[in-house]
């Protein structure tokens, strides 16, 4: 366990202690194991790869209050983890919610971000605008309304032995999916994971203006699958409108949302390329 920002984080770590550090942030409803292939590839390249269970997930501590999952505290977790390994800077990567945290972290802490690699989720301002301006993305994002409903979301997602969560993964994640389901079924863990949405997207929260404030200086790559059922083309293609420094969009044709599992080699190559 790694102590950071007042919490204990369970982390997957591999690679030489003196190598370039890459921190890999997972999304909903996953865990550190979503990066297993990439941790292996980065370590083989000579990098120090660190994939934590994010707060509320896996064996990492799960604070009880919704406000404990505000974006500022999630960013502080990343900073604390980097410092816990004796580093001042790291290459930062994220998928799904981990990508959102990575975007905000890179903007808030340019001095700590060597590079940014984000999977599926475009620039927060582009993602927010897509929900407002793109009918297709608005439909894809309707599930968020359920996730904001305390109690109701937990009831729906736990029905039939977490059937809906299992359906999210299908056969793509293999044994890891069953691990994620078992992990999130532990007392309080599903609510903790849903608190990411409630603490940041809930009523009265000015998410839109905060998203527009995200400015990234680090070299950035966005990997997006053109068959992603949750995040459509609009938000991916309009990310460039919010980038003023080195940026590239890599479209993975035929890939869906779970890119680390669906296209492990391509994701690994992108990460290794950013670090080396």
C-alpha atoms as a PDB file:
ATOM      1  CA  UNK A   1       0.000   0.000   0.000  1.00  0.00           C
ATOM      2  CA  UNK A   2       1.190   3.523  -0.817  1.00  0.00           C
ATOM      3  CA  UNK A   3       0.348   6.476   1.425  1.00  0.00           C
ATOM      4  CA  UNK A   4      -0.685   9.575  -0.519  1.00  0.00           C
ATOM      5  CA  UNK A   5      -2.929  12.561   0.176  1.00  0.00           C
ATOM      6  CA  UNK A   6      -4.014  11.072   3.494  1.00  0.00           C
ATOM      7  CA  UNK A   7      -5.195   7.767   1.976  1.00  0.00           C
ATOM      8  CA  UNK A   8      -3.784   4.291   1.432  1.00  0.00           C
ATOM      9  CA  UNK A   9      -3.588   3.344  -2.253  1.00  0.00           C
ATOM     10  CA  UNK A  10      -3.186  -0.185  -3.514  1.00  0.00           C
ATOM     11  CA  UNK A  11      -0.970   0.055  -6.583  1.00  0.00           C
ATOM     12  CA  UNK A  12       0.380  -2.180  -9.337  1.00  0.00           C
ATOM     13  CA  UNK A  13       4.046  -1.278  -9.812  1.00  0.00           C
ATOM     14  CA  UNK A  14       6.635  -2.670 -12.198  1.00  0.00           C
ATOM     15  CA  UNK A  15       9.864  -1.463 -13.737  1.00  0.00           C
ATOM     16  CA  UNK A  16      13.187  -0.111 -12.534  1.00  0.00           C
ATOM     17  CA  UNK A  17      12.978   2.381  -9.651  1.00  0.00           C
ATOM     18  CA  UNK A  18      15.157   4.833 -11.581  1.00  0.00           C
ATOM     19  CA  UNK A  19      13.132   4.674 -14.799  1.00  0.00           C
ATOM     20  CA  UNK A  20      10.856   7.382 -16.159  1.00  0.00           C
ATOM     21  CA  UNK A  21       7.629   7.267 -14.118  1.00  0.00           C
ATOM     22  CA  UNK A  22       4.278   6.706 -15.804  1.00  0.00           C
ATOM     23  CA  UNK A  23       1.113   6.839 -13.704  1.00  0.00           C
ATOM     24  CA  UNK A  24      -1.949   5.134 -15.190  1.00  0.00           C
ATOM     25  CA  UNK A  25      -5.433   6.111 -13.991  1.00  0.00           C
ATOM     26  CA  UNK A  26      -8.394   3.779 -14.543  1.00  0.00           C
ATOM     27  CA  UNK A  27     -12.056   4.571 -15.047  1.00  0.00           C
ATOM     28  CA  UNK A  28     -15.520   3.340 -14.041  1.00  0.00           C
ATOM     29  CA  UNK A  29     -16.111   0.575 -13.003  1.00  0.00           C
ATOM     30  CA  UNK A  30     -12.600  -0.828 -13.176  1.00  0.00           C
ATOM     31  CA  UNK A  31      -9.374  -1.001 -11.196  1.00  0.00           C
ATOM     32  CA  UNK A  32      -5.620  -1.045 -11.587  1.00  0.00           C
ATOM     33  CA  UNK A  33      -5.787  -4.350 -13.498  1.00  0.00           C
ATOM     34  CA  UNK A  34      -7.234  -2.557 -16.512  1.00  0.00           C
ATOM     35  CA  UNK A  35      -3.644  -1.463 -17.204  1.00  0.00           C
ATOM     36  CA  UNK A  36      -1.953  -4.864 -16.718  1.00  0.00           C
ATOM     37  CA  UNK A  37      -0.698  -5.190 -20.286  1.00  0.00           C
ATOM     38  CA  UNK A  38       0.487  -1.604 -20.379  1.00  0.00           C
ATOM     39  CA  UNK A  39       2.288  -1.866 -17.033  1.00  0.00           C
ATOM     40  CA  UNK A  40       4.143  -4.881 -18.413  1.00  0.00           C
ATOM     41  CA  UNK A  41       5.067  -3.100 -21.641  1.00  0.00           C
ATOM     42  CA  UNK A  42       6.236   0.063 -19.909  1.00  0.00           C
ATOM     43  CA  UNK A  43       8.362  -1.895 -17.444  1.00  0.00           C
ATOM     44  CA  UNK A  44       9.927  -3.847 -20.308  1.00  0.00           C
ATOM     45  CA  UNK A  45      10.863  -0.534 -21.942  1.00  0.00           C
ATOM     46  CA  UNK A  46      12.684   0.603 -18.812  1.00  0.00           C
ATOM     47  CA  UNK A  47       9.974   2.804 -17.304  1.00  0.00           C
ATOM     48  CA  UNK A  48       8.572   2.702 -13.786  1.00  0.00           C
ATOM     49  CA  UNK A  49       4.859   2.001 -14.300  1.00  0.00           C
ATOM     50  CA  UNK A  50       2.420   2.784 -11.480  1.00  0.00           C
ATOM     51  CA  UNK A  51      -1.274   1.890 -11.754  1.00  0.00           C
ATOM     52  CA  UNK A  52      -3.280   2.635  -8.603  1.00  0.00           C
ATOM     53  CA  UNK A  53      -6.731   1.584  -7.598  1.00  0.00           C
ATOM     54  CA  UNK A  54      -8.270   5.053  -7.579  1.00  0.00           C
ATOM     55  CA  UNK A  55      -9.839   6.294  -4.339  1.00  0.00           C
ATOM     56  CA  UNK A  56     -12.988   4.304  -3.583  1.00  0.00           C
ATOM     57  CA  UNK A  57     -11.929   1.359  -5.762  1.00  0.00           C
ATOM     58  CA  UNK A  58     -10.341  -2.000  -5.077  1.00  0.00           C
ATOM     59  CA  UNK A  59      -8.265  -2.104  -1.918  1.00  0.00           C
ATOM     60  CA  UNK A  60      -7.660   1.653  -1.839  1.00  0.00           C
ATOM     61  CA  UNK A  61      -9.365   3.611   0.935  1.00  0.00           C
ATOM     62  CA  UNK A  62     -12.926   4.773   0.221  1.00  0.00           C
ATOM     63  CA  UNK A  63     -13.819   8.042   1.993  1.00  0.00           C
ATOM     64  CA  UNK A  64     -17.551   8.146   2.843  1.00  0.00           C
ATOM     65  CA  UNK A  65     -18.595  11.650   1.797  1.00  0.00           C
ATOM     66  CA  UNK A  66     -19.658  12.578  -1.743  1.00  0.00           C
ATOM     67  CA  UNK A  67     -17.456  15.672  -1.546  1.00  0.00           C
ATOM     68  CA  UNK A  68     -14.441  13.431  -1.035  1.00  0.00           C
ATOM     69  CA  UNK A  69     -14.610  12.674  -4.777  1.00  0.00           C
ATOM     70  CA  UNK A  70     -14.460  16.234  -6.100  1.00  0.00           C
ATOM     71  CA  UNK A  71     -12.008  16.728  -8.951  1.00  0.00           C
ATOM     72  CA  UNK A  72      -9.650  18.767  -6.785  1.00  0.00           C
ATOM     73  CA  UNK A  73      -9.174  15.871  -4.391  1.00  0.00           C
ATOM     74  CA  UNK A  74      -8.727  13.418  -7.248  1.00  0.00           C
ATOM     75  CA  UNK A  75      -5.984  15.626  -8.681  1.00  0.00           C
ATOM     76  CA  UNK A  76      -4.348  15.825  -5.261  1.00  0.00           C
ATOM     77  CA  UNK A  77      -4.289  12.011  -5.169  1.00  0.00           C
ATOM     78  CA  UNK A  78      -2.265  11.945  -8.390  1.00  0.00           C
ATOM     79  CA  UNK A  79       0.162  14.563  -7.110  1.00  0.00           C
ATOM     80  CA  UNK A  80       0.534  12.671  -3.853  1.00  0.00           C
ATOM     81  CA  UNK A  81       1.203   9.380  -5.611  1.00  0.00           C
ATOM     82  CA  UNK A  82       3.875  10.896  -7.830  1.00  0.00           C
ATOM     83  CA  UNK A  83       5.587  12.391  -4.782  1.00  0.00           C
ATOM     84  CA  UNK A  84       5.233   9.111  -2.856  1.00  0.00           C
ATOM     85  CA  UNK A  85       7.564   7.543  -5.420  1.00  0.00           C
ATOM     86  CA  UNK A  86      10.093  10.315  -4.878  1.00  0.00           C
ATOM     87  CA  UNK A  87       9.327  12.098  -8.133  1.00  0.00           C
ATOM     88  CA  UNK A  88       8.511  15.670  -9.015  1.00  0.00           C
ATOM     89  CA  UNK A  89       7.117  14.837 -12.477  1.00  0.00           C
ATOM     90  CA  UNK A  90       5.619  11.897 -14.350  1.00  0.00           C
ATOM     91  CA  UNK A  91       4.033  10.840 -17.614  1.00  0.00           C
ATOM     92  CA  UNK A  92       0.288  10.799 -16.954  1.00  0.00           C
ATOM     93  CA  UNK A  93      -2.283   8.556 -18.633  1.00  0.00           C
ATOM     94  CA  UNK A  94      -5.949   7.905 -17.997  1.00  0.00           C
ATOM     95  CA  UNK A  95      -9.004   6.143 -19.346  1.00  0.00           C
ATOM     96  CA  UNK A  96     -12.664   7.097 -18.799  1.00  0.00           C
ATOM     97  CA  UNK A  97     -12.848   8.825 -15.381  1.00  0.00           C
ATOM     98  CA  UNK A  98      -9.114   8.430 -15.122  1.00  0.00           C
ATOM     99  CA  UNK A  99      -8.837  10.435 -18.348  1.00  0.00           C
ATOM    100  CA  UNK A 100     -10.942  13.249 -16.887  1.00  0.00           C
ATOM    101  CA  UNK A 101      -8.692  13.361 -13.829  1.00  0.00           C
ATOM    102  CA  UNK A 102      -5.625  13.270 -16.082  1.00  0.00           C
ATOM    103  CA  UNK A 103      -6.862  16.215 -18.185  1.00  0.00           C
ATOM    104  CA  UNK A 104      -7.496  18.363 -15.119  1.00  0.00           C
ATOM    105  CA  UNK A 105      -4.249  17.297 -13.455  1.00  0.00           C
ATOM    106  CA  UNK A 106      -2.170  18.175 -16.523  1.00  0.00           C
ATOM    107  CA  UNK A 107      -3.813  21.597 -16.614  1.00  0.00           C
ATOM    108  CA  UNK A 108      -3.490  22.277 -12.888  1.00  0.00           C
ATOM    109  CA  UNK A 109       0.021  20.850 -12.575  1.00  0.00           C
ATOM    110  CA  UNK A 110       1.982  21.481 -15.793  1.00  0.00           C
ATOM    111  CA  UNK A 111       5.181  21.384 -13.745  1.00  0.00           C
ATOM    112  CA  UNK A 112       4.422  17.756 -12.785  1.00  0.00           C
ATOM    113  CA  UNK A 113       3.225  16.501 -16.177  1.00  0.00           C
ATOM    114  CA  UNK A 114       5.831  15.301 -18.678  1.00  0.00           C
ATOM    115  CA  UNK A 115       3.279  13.992 -21.156  1.00  0.00           C
ATOM    116  CA  UNK A 116      -0.443  13.261 -21.271  1.00  0.00           C
ATOM    117  CA  UNK A 117      -2.034  10.198 -22.868  1.00  0.00           C
ATOM    118  CA  UNK A 118      -5.814  10.012 -22.641  1.00  0.00           C
ATOM    119  CA  UNK A 119      -8.045   7.169 -23.756  1.00  0.00           C
ATOM    120  CA  UNK A 120     -11.632   7.624 -25.005  1.00  0.00           C
ATOM    121  CA  UNK A 121     -12.378  10.977 -23.312  1.00  0.00           C
ATOM    122  CA  UNK A 122     -11.528  14.135 -25.210  1.00  0.00           C
ATOM    123  CA  UNK A 123     -10.787  17.538 -23.706  1.00  0.00           C
ATOM    124  CA  UNK A 124     -13.326  18.205 -20.911  1.00  0.00           C
ATOM    125  CA  UNK A 125     -14.637  21.307 -22.701  1.00  0.00           C
ATOM    126  CA  UNK A 126     -15.152  19.318 -25.906  1.00  0.00           C
ATOM    127  CA  UNK A 127     -16.884  16.521 -23.997  1.00  0.00           C
ATOM    128  CA  UNK A 128     -19.144  18.994 -22.213  1.00  0.00           C
ATOM    129  CA  UNK A 129     -19.977  20.838 -25.435  1.00  0.00           C
ATOM    130  CA  UNK A 130     -20.745  17.546 -27.157  1.00  0.00           C
ATOM    131  CA  UNK A 131     -23.486  16.773 -24.633  1.00  0.00           C
ATOM    132  CA  UNK A 132     -25.043  20.183 -25.308  1.00  0.00           C
ATOM    133  CA  UNK A 133     -24.502  20.448 -29.071  1.00  0.00           C
ATOM    134  CA  UNK A 134     -24.452  16.906 -30.424  1.00  0.00           C
ATOM    135  CA  UNK A 135     -27.686  14.918 -30.248  1.00  0.00           C
ATOM    136  CA  UNK A 136     -25.797  11.651 -30.624  1.00  0.00           C
ATOM    137  CA  UNK A 137     -23.574  12.357 -27.599  1.00  0.00           C
ATOM    138  CA  UNK A 138     -26.531  13.579 -25.567  1.00  0.00           C
ATOM    139  CA  UNK A 139     -28.190  10.184 -26.038  1.00  0.00           C
ATOM    140  CA  UNK A 140     -24.993   8.314 -25.213  1.00  0.00           C
ATOM    141  CA  UNK A 141     -24.665  10.275 -21.966  1.00  0.00           C
ATOM    142  CA  UNK A 142     -28.196   9.703 -20.665  1.00  0.00           C
ATOM    143  CA  UNK A 143     -26.912   7.060 -18.229  1.00  0.00           C
ATOM    144  CA  UNK A 144     -25.339   9.849 -16.161  1.00  0.00           C
ATOM    145  CA  UNK A 145     -28.813  10.917 -15.012  1.00  0.00           C
ATOM    146  CA  UNK A 146     -29.255   7.510 -13.385  1.00  0.00           C
ATOM    147  CA  UNK A 147     -25.796   7.590 -11.814  1.00  0.00           C
ATOM    148  CA  UNK A 148     -26.645  10.898 -10.097  1.00  0.00           C
ATOM    149  CA  UNK A 149     -29.670   9.346  -8.359  1.00  0.00           C
ATOM    150  CA  UNK A 150     -28.480   8.218  -4.934  1.00  0.00           C
ATOM    151  CA  UNK A 151     -29.900   4.859  -3.996  1.00  0.00           C
ATOM    152  CA  UNK A 152     -31.723   4.321  -7.279  1.00  0.00           C
ATOM    153  CA  UNK A 153     -28.509   3.885  -9.257  1.00  0.00           C
ATOM    154  CA  UNK A 154     -27.158   1.415  -6.713  1.00  0.00           C
ATOM    155  CA  UNK A 155     -30.419  -0.547  -6.863  1.00  0.00           C
ATOM    156  CA  UNK A 156     -30.431  -0.744 -10.656  1.00  0.00           C
ATOM    157  CA  UNK A 157     -26.744  -1.619 -11.005  1.00  0.00           C
ATOM    158  CA  UNK A 158     -26.798  -4.379  -8.388  1.00  0.00           C
ATOM    159  CA  UNK A 159     -29.881  -6.145  -9.788  1.00  0.00           C
ATOM    160  CA  UNK A 160     -29.378  -9.732 -10.978  1.00  0.00           C
ATOM    161  CA  UNK A 161     -25.866 -10.007  -9.544  1.00  0.00           C
ATOM    162  CA  UNK A 162     -24.664  -6.763 -11.162  1.00  0.00           C
ATOM    163  CA  UNK A 163     -25.899  -7.869 -14.575  1.00  0.00           C
ATOM    164  CA  UNK A 164     -25.737  -4.384 -16.110  1.00  0.00           C
ATOM    165  CA  UNK A 165     -22.127  -3.907 -15.068  1.00  0.00           C
ATOM    166  CA  UNK A 166     -21.239  -7.293 -16.537  1.00  0.00           C
ATOM    167  CA  UNK A 167     -22.996  -6.288 -19.777  1.00  0.00           C
ATOM    168  CA  UNK A 168     -20.860  -3.146 -19.960  1.00  0.00           C
ATOM    169  CA  UNK A 169     -17.755  -5.276 -20.373  1.00  0.00           C
ATOM    170  CA  UNK A 170     -19.231  -8.104 -22.417  1.00  0.00           C
ATOM    171  CA  UNK A 171     -16.487 -10.604 -23.192  1.00  0.00           C
ATOM    172  CA  UNK A 172     -13.824  -7.968 -23.789  1.00  0.00           C
ATOM    173  CA  UNK A 173     -12.124  -7.765 -20.392  1.00  0.00           C
ATOM    174  CA  UNK A 174     -12.093 -11.507 -19.697  1.00  0.00           C
ATOM    175  CA  UNK A 175     -11.303 -12.546 -16.079  1.00  0.00           C
ATOM    176  CA  UNK A 176     -10.544  -8.934 -15.155  1.00  0.00           C
ATOM    177  CA  UNK A 177     -14.209  -8.050 -15.590  1.00  0.00           C
ATOM    178  CA  UNK A 178     -15.229 -10.592 -12.958  1.00  0.00           C
ATOM    179  CA  UNK A 179     -12.578  -9.170 -10.639  1.00  0.00           C
ATOM    180  CA  UNK A 180     -13.980  -5.670 -11.145  1.00  0.00           C
ATOM    181  CA  UNK A 181     -17.534  -6.854 -10.419  1.00  0.00           C
ATOM    182  CA  UNK A 182     -16.460  -8.641  -7.222  1.00  0.00           C
ATOM    183  CA  UNK A 183     -14.514  -5.579  -6.135  1.00  0.00           C
ATOM    184  CA  UNK A 184     -17.323  -3.098  -6.728  1.00  0.00           C
ATOM    185  CA  UNK A 185     -19.809  -5.395  -4.951  1.00  0.00           C
ATOM    186  CA  UNK A 186     -17.985  -4.910  -1.638  1.00  0.00           C
ATOM    187  CA  UNK A 187     -19.920  -2.733   0.845  1.00  0.00           C
ATOM    188  CA  UNK A 188     -19.833   0.934  -0.096  1.00  0.00           C
ATOM    189  CA  UNK A 189     -17.670   0.505  -3.171  1.00  0.00           C
ATOM    190  CA  UNK A 190     -20.343   0.978  -5.822  1.00  0.00           C
ATOM    191  CA  UNK A 191     -21.507   4.172  -4.111  1.00  0.00           C
ATOM    192  CA  UNK A 192     -17.900   5.382  -3.934  1.00  0.00           C
ATOM    193  CA  UNK A 193     -17.448   4.871  -7.673  1.00  0.00           C
ATOM    194  CA  UNK A 194     -20.718   6.661  -8.429  1.00  0.00           C
ATOM    195  CA  UNK A 195     -19.633   9.546  -6.215  1.00  0.00           C
ATOM    196  CA  UNK A 196     -17.189  10.553  -8.956  1.00  0.00           C
ATOM    197  CA  UNK A 197     -20.251  11.571 -10.982  1.00  0.00           C
ATOM    198  CA  UNK A 198     -22.197  13.014  -8.060  1.00  0.00           C
ATOM    199  CA  UNK A 199     -19.367  15.142  -6.707  1.00  0.00           C
ATOM    200  CA  UNK A 200     -18.589  16.708 -10.089  1.00  0.00           C
ATOM    201  CA  UNK A 201     -21.683  16.552 -12.300  1.00  0.00           C
ATOM    202  CA  UNK A 202     -24.386  17.058  -9.672  1.00  0.00           C
ATOM    203  CA  UNK A 203     -26.935  19.839  -9.579  1.00  0.00           C
ATOM    204  CA  UNK A 204     -25.546  23.272  -8.791  1.00  0.00           C
ATOM    205  CA  UNK A 205     -21.985  22.382  -9.759  1.00  0.00           C
ATOM    206  CA  UNK A 206     -20.378  24.627 -12.371  1.00  0.00           C
ATOM    207  CA  UNK A 207     -18.728  21.844 -14.351  1.00  0.00           C
ATOM    208  CA  UNK A 208     -19.002  23.624 -17.704  1.00  0.00           C
ATOM    209  CA  UNK A 209     -16.877  26.642 -16.791  1.00  0.00           C
ATOM    210  CA  UNK A 210     -14.303  24.474 -15.034  1.00  0.00           C
ATOM    211  CA  UNK A 211     -14.005  22.336 -18.164  1.00  0.00           C
ATOM    212  CA  UNK A 212     -13.342  25.431 -20.271  1.00  0.00           C
ATOM    213  CA  UNK A 213     -10.505  26.404 -17.942  1.00  0.00           C
ATOM    214  CA  UNK A 214      -8.490  23.265 -18.766  1.00  0.00           C
ATOM    215  CA  UNK A 215      -5.321  24.280 -20.637  1.00  0.00           C
ATOM    216  CA  UNK A 216      -2.685  21.625 -21.290  1.00  0.00           C
ATOM    217  CA  UNK A 217       0.938  22.406 -22.148  1.00  0.00           C
ATOM    218  CA  UNK A 218       2.354  18.864 -22.074  1.00  0.00           C
ATOM    219  CA  UNK A 219       2.572  16.813 -25.299  1.00  0.00           C
ATOM    220  CA  UNK A 220      -0.811  15.094 -25.555  1.00  0.00           C
ATOM    221  CA  UNK A 221      -2.209  12.085 -27.403  1.00  0.00           C
ATOM    222  CA  UNK A 222      -5.895  11.143 -27.429  1.00  0.00           C
ATOM    223  CA  UNK A 223      -6.686   7.526 -28.328  1.00  0.00           C
ATOM    224  CA  UNK A 224     -10.319   7.041 -29.322  1.00  0.00           C
ATOM    225  CA  UNK A 225     -12.123   3.994 -30.696  1.00  0.00           C
ATOM    226  CA  UNK A 226     -14.587   4.798 -33.457  1.00  0.00           C
ATOM    227  CA  UNK A 227     -16.997   2.159 -32.116  1.00  0.00           C
ATOM    228  CA  UNK A 228     -17.063   3.592 -28.581  1.00  0.00           C
ATOM    229  CA  UNK A 229     -20.667   3.291 -27.360  1.00  0.00           C
ATOM    230  CA  UNK A 230     -20.253   5.955 -24.669  1.00  0.00           C
ATOM    231  CA  UNK A 231     -18.113   8.673 -26.224  1.00  0.00           C
ATOM    232  CA  UNK A 232     -18.757   9.721 -29.783  1.00  0.00           C
ATOM    233  CA  UNK A 233     -16.782  11.275 -32.604  1.00  0.00           C
ATOM    234  CA  UNK A 234     -17.786  14.907 -31.950  1.00  0.00           C
ATOM    235  CA  UNK A 235     -15.966  15.191 -28.632  1.00  0.00           C
ATOM    236  CA  UNK A 236     -12.894  13.458 -30.018  1.00  0.00           C
ATOM    237  CA  UNK A 237     -12.620  15.550 -33.174  1.00  0.00           C
ATOM    238  CA  UNK A 238     -13.341  18.862 -31.415  1.00  0.00           C
ATOM    239  CA  UNK A 239     -10.650  18.336 -28.793  1.00  0.00           C
ATOM    240  CA  UNK A 240      -8.183  20.029 -31.155  1.00  0.00           C
ATOM    241  CA  UNK A 241     -10.160  23.267 -30.767  1.00  0.00           C
ATOM    242  CA  UNK A 242      -8.981  23.453 -27.156  1.00  0.00           C
ATOM    243  CA  UNK A 243      -5.333  22.509 -27.681  1.00  0.00           C
ATOM    244  CA  UNK A 244      -2.577  25.050 -28.243  1.00  0.00           C
ATOM    245  CA  UNK A 245       0.482  22.833 -27.817  1.00  0.00           C
ATOM    246  CA  UNK A 246       1.691  19.477 -29.197  1.00  0.00           C
ATOM    247  CA  UNK A 247      -1.418  17.321 -29.717  1.00  0.00           C
ATOM    248  CA  UNK A 248      -2.456  14.296 -31.776  1.00  0.00           C
ATOM    249  CA  UNK A 249      -5.678  12.305 -32.153  1.00  0.00           C
ATOM    250  CA  UNK A 250      -5.220   8.612 -32.926  1.00  0.00           C
ATOM    251  CA  UNK A 251      -8.434   6.933 -34.070  1.00  0.00           C
ATOM    252  CA  UNK A 252      -8.470   3.180 -33.451  1.00  0.00           C
ATOM    253  CA  UNK A 253     -10.819   1.890 -36.125  1.00  0.00           C
ATOM    254  CA  UNK A 254     -13.170  -0.841 -35.008  1.00  0.00           C
ATOM    255  CA  UNK A 255     -12.352  -0.377 -31.323  1.00  0.00           C
ATOM    256  CA  UNK A 256     -14.899   0.389 -28.615  1.00  0.00           C
ATOM    257  CA  UNK A 257     -14.588   1.872 -25.136  1.00  0.00           C
ATOM    258  CA  UNK A 258     -12.289  -0.594 -23.337  1.00  0.00           C
ATOM    259  CA  UNK A 259      -9.147   0.198 -25.288  1.00  0.00           C
ATOM    260  CA  UNK A 260      -6.612  -1.316 -22.883  1.00  0.00           C
ATOM    261  CA  UNK A 261      -8.291  -4.700 -23.415  1.00  0.00           C
ATOM    262  CA  UNK A 262      -9.401  -4.353 -27.025  1.00  0.00           C
ATOM    263  CA  UNK A 263      -6.181  -2.838 -28.391  1.00  0.00           C
ATOM    264  CA  UNK A 264      -3.523  -3.534 -25.756  1.00  0.00           C
ATOM    265  CA  UNK A 265      -0.577  -3.391 -28.150  1.00  0.00           C
ATOM    266  CA  UNK A 266      -1.564  -0.072 -29.705  1.00  0.00           C
ATOM    267  CA  UNK A 267      -2.207   1.506 -26.316  1.00  0.00           C
ATOM    268  CA  UNK A 268       1.092   0.171 -25.012  1.00  0.00           C
ATOM    269  CA  UNK A 269       3.015   1.488 -28.019  1.00  0.00           C
ATOM    270  CA  UNK A 270       1.510   4.929 -27.531  1.00  0.00           C
ATOM    271  CA  UNK A 271       2.453   4.980 -23.850  1.00  0.00           C
ATOM    272  CA  UNK A 272       5.974   3.707 -24.444  1.00  0.00           C
ATOM    273  CA  UNK A 273       6.398   6.264 -27.227  1.00  0.00           C
ATOM    274  CA  UNK A 274       5.399   9.052 -24.854  1.00  0.00           C
ATOM    275  CA  UNK A 275       7.830   7.934 -22.175  1.00  0.00           C
ATOM    276  CA  UNK A 276      10.894   7.226 -24.322  1.00  0.00           C
END
